[in-house]
C-alpha atoms as a PDB file:
ATOM      1  CA  MET A   1     -23.328 193.193  52.235  1.00  0.00           C
ATOM      2  CA  GLU A   2     -24.762 189.341  51.496  1.00  0.00           C
ATOM      3  CA  VAL A   3     -22.190 186.660  50.996  1.00  0.00           C
ATOM      4  CA  PRO A   4     -23.766 184.716  47.785  1.00  0.00           C
ATOM      5  CA  ASN A   5     -23.731 181.295  48.429  1.00  0.00           C
ATOM      6  CA  LYS A   6     -24.358 178.200  46.129  1.00  0.00           C
ATOM      7  CA  ARG A   7     -28.378 179.042  45.709  1.00  0.00           C
ATOM      8  CA  SER A   8     -28.175 182.723  45.144  1.00  0.00           C
ATOM      9  CA  LEU A   9     -25.772 182.407  42.124  1.00  0.00           C
ATOM     10  CA  HIS A  10     -26.946 182.652  38.907  1.00  0.00           C
ATOM     11  CA  ILE A  11     -27.654 178.948  37.309  1.00  0.00           C
ATOM     12  CA  ASP A  12     -26.896 178.696  33.422  1.00  0.00           C
ATOM     13  CA  SER A  13     -30.091 177.218  31.897  1.00  0.00           C
ATOM     14  CA  GLN A  14     -28.177 175.355  29.205  1.00  0.00           C
ATOM     15  CA  LEU A  15     -26.510 173.075  31.751  1.00  0.00           C
ATOM     16  CA  PRO A  16     -28.204 169.651  31.343  1.00  0.00           C
ATOM     17  CA  VAL A  17     -29.904 168.736  35.378  1.00  0.00           C
ATOM     18  CA  LYS A  18     -28.688 165.125  35.910  1.00  0.00           C
ATOM     19  CA  VAL A  19     -31.397 163.326  37.651  1.00  0.00           C
ATOM     20  CA  ALA A  20     -30.750 159.742  38.830  1.00  0.00           C
ATOM     21  CA  LYS A  21     -33.735 157.647  37.497  1.00  0.00           C
ATOM     22  CA  TRP A  22     -32.255 154.462  38.146  1.00  0.00           C
ATOM     23  CA  ARG A  23     -32.857 155.282  41.938  1.00  0.00           C
ATOM     24  CA  TRP A  24     -36.608 156.057  41.229  1.00  0.00           C
ATOM     25  CA  ARG A  25     -37.025 153.582  38.828  1.00  0.00           C
ATOM     26  CA  THR A  26     -35.567 150.973  41.329  1.00  0.00           C
ATOM     27  CA  LEU A  27     -37.699 152.591  44.233  1.00  0.00           C
ATOM     28  CA  TYR A  28     -40.784 151.866  41.853  1.00  0.00           C
ATOM     29  CA  PHE A  29     -40.054 148.693  41.073  1.00  0.00           C
ATOM     30  CA  THR A  30     -39.414 147.547  44.704  1.00  0.00           C
ATOM     31  CA  ILE A  31     -42.765 148.955  45.794  1.00  0.00           C
ATOM     32  CA  TRP A  32     -44.732 147.280  43.083  1.00  0.00           C
ATOM     33  CA  LEU A  33     -43.052 144.065  43.799  1.00  0.00           C
ATOM     34  CA  LEU A  34     -44.065 144.761  47.665  1.00  0.00           C
ATOM     35  CA  ALA A  35     -47.820 145.090  46.964  1.00  0.00           C
ATOM     36  CA  ALA A  36     -48.049 142.105  44.563  1.00  0.00           C
ATOM     37  CA  PHE A  37     -46.685 140.139  47.556  1.00  0.00           C
ATOM     38  CA  LEU A  38     -48.867 141.799  49.774  1.00  0.00           C
ATOM     39  CA  VAL A  39     -51.853 141.250  47.250  1.00  0.00           C
ATOM     40  CA  ILE A  40     -50.725 137.125  46.959  1.00  0.00           C
ATOM     41  CA  SER A  41     -50.590 136.947  51.081  1.00  0.00           C
ATOM     42  CA  ILE A  42     -53.875 137.920  51.174  1.00  0.00           C
ATOM     43  CA  PHE A  43     -55.094 135.823  49.040  1.00  0.00           C
ATOM     44  CA  GLY A  44     -53.314 132.809  50.336  1.00  0.00           C
ATOM     45  CA  LEU A  45     -54.218 133.959  53.919  1.00  0.00           C
ATOM     46  CA  GLY A  46     -58.034 133.540  52.958  1.00  0.00           C
ATOM     47  CA  VAL A  47     -57.999 130.447  50.984  1.00  0.00           C
ATOM     48  CA  LEU A  48     -55.796 129.025  54.077  1.00  0.00           C
ATOM     49  CA  ALA A  49     -58.605 130.077  55.953  1.00  0.00           C
ATOM     50  CA  LEU A  50     -61.418 128.451  53.728  1.00  0.00           C
ATOM     51  CA  VAL A  51     -59.588 125.245  54.104  1.00  0.00           C
ATOM     52  CA  ALA A  52     -59.012 125.177  57.968  1.00  0.00           C
ATOM     53  CA  GLY A  53     -63.271 126.235  57.554  1.00  0.00           C
ATOM     54  CA  ILE A  54     -63.706 123.086  55.316  1.00  0.00           C
ATOM     55  CA  GLU A  55     -61.727 120.259  57.048  1.00  0.00           C
ATOM     56  CA  GLU A  56     -63.320 118.436  59.579  1.00  0.00           C
ATOM     57  CA  GLU A  57     -60.763 118.999  62.868  1.00  0.00           C
ATOM     58  CA  LEU A  58     -62.316 122.297  63.845  1.00  0.00           C
ATOM     59  CA  GLU A  59     -65.630 122.226  65.833  1.00  0.00           C
ATOM     60  CA  GLY A  60     -68.863 123.318  64.245  1.00  0.00           C
ATOM     61  CA  GLY A  61     -68.315 127.446  65.719  1.00  0.00           C
ATOM     62  CA  ALA A  62     -64.687 127.772  64.724  1.00  0.00           C
ATOM     63  CA  ARG A  63     -65.098 126.630  61.186  1.00  0.00           C
ATOM     64  CA  MET A  64     -67.714 128.894  60.807  1.00  0.00           C
ATOM     65  CA  LEU A  65     -65.387 131.233  62.025  1.00  0.00           C
ATOM     66  CA  ALA A  66     -62.525 130.418  59.920  1.00  0.00           C
ATOM     67  CA  LEU A  67     -65.263 130.085  56.778  1.00  0.00           C
ATOM     68  CA  GLY A  68     -66.558 133.590  57.824  1.00  0.00           C
ATOM     69  CA  ALA A  69     -63.066 135.180  58.056  1.00  0.00           C
ATOM     70  CA  GLY A  70     -61.841 133.590  54.324  1.00  0.00           C
ATOM     71  CA  GLY A  71     -64.457 135.073  52.858  1.00  0.00           C
ATOM     72  CA  ALA A  72     -64.531 138.191  54.228  1.00  0.00           C
ATOM     73  CA  ILE A  73     -60.735 138.303  53.208  1.00  0.00           C
ATOM     74  CA  LEU A  74     -61.156 136.921  49.977  1.00  0.00           C
ATOM     75  CA  VAL A  75     -63.579 139.728  49.090  1.00  0.00           C
ATOM     76  CA  VAL A  76     -61.015 142.696  50.612  1.00  0.00           C
ATOM     77  CA  GLY A  77     -58.309 140.738  48.407  1.00  0.00           C
ATOM     78  CA  LEU A  78     -60.853 141.848  45.802  1.00  0.00           C
ATOM     79  CA  ALA A  79     -61.366 145.108  46.042  1.00  0.00           C
ATOM     80  CA  ILE A  80     -57.769 145.677  46.813  1.00  0.00           C
ATOM     81  CA  LEU A  81     -57.304 144.060  43.282  1.00  0.00           C
ATOM     82  CA  LYS A  82     -59.940 145.774  42.024  1.00  0.00           C
ATOM     83  CA  SER A  83     -58.600 149.169  43.597  1.00  0.00           C
ATOM     84  CA  ILE A  84     -55.646 148.421  42.099  1.00  0.00           C
ATOM     85  CA  PHE A  85     -56.521 148.894  38.141  1.00  0.00           C
ATOM     86  CA  PRO A  86     -58.001 151.812  36.676  1.00  0.00           C
ATOM     87  CA  ARG A  87     -62.031 150.688  35.474  1.00  0.00           C
ATOM     88  CA  GLU A  88     -60.598 152.262  32.086  1.00  0.00           C
ATOM     89  CA  SER A  89     -58.268 149.773  31.342  1.00  0.00           C
ATOM     90  CA  ILE A  90     -60.173 146.587  32.401  1.00  0.00           C
ATOM     91  CA  ALA A  91     -63.359 147.535  31.136  1.00  0.00           C
ATOM     92  CA  PRO A  92     -62.464 146.661  27.413  1.00  0.00           C
ATOM     93  CA  LEU A  93     -61.618 143.196  28.489  1.00  0.00           C
ATOM     94  CA  PHE A  94     -65.352 142.397  29.740  1.00  0.00           C
ATOM     95  CA  GLN A  95     -67.105 144.308  26.296  1.00  0.00           C
ATOM     96  CA  LYS A  96     -68.802 141.678  23.703  1.00  0.00           C
ATOM     97  CA  LYS A  97     -66.961 141.885  20.680  1.00  0.00           C
ATOM     98  CA  ASN A  98     -69.312 142.628  17.856  1.00  0.00           C
END
C-alpha cells in the first residue's frame, strides 16, 4: 500500500498559485545591470588602449599593438552591442522618413 505524499494528493485547481515575482524581477534587473557594466567596461578598455597607442610614451611597436588592440576591442564591443538589440527594434531608427 502506497503512502500518500504531498505530490500525490489532489490539488484543487481553484487555489491561487503564489509566485515570488520580486525575486525574478530582481534577478532580471541585476543581470541587465551587470551586462551594462560589462559593455561599458569593454568600451572603456578599448578607448584606454587607443589613447595609450596615441601617446608618445611608448615605443613604435608597443604603440601599434596598443592601437590594434584598442581597435579590436572596440569592434568586439560594437558587435556585442549589436547583438543585444534585435534588428527589428533598431531598423526604424535608420529608415528615412517620407
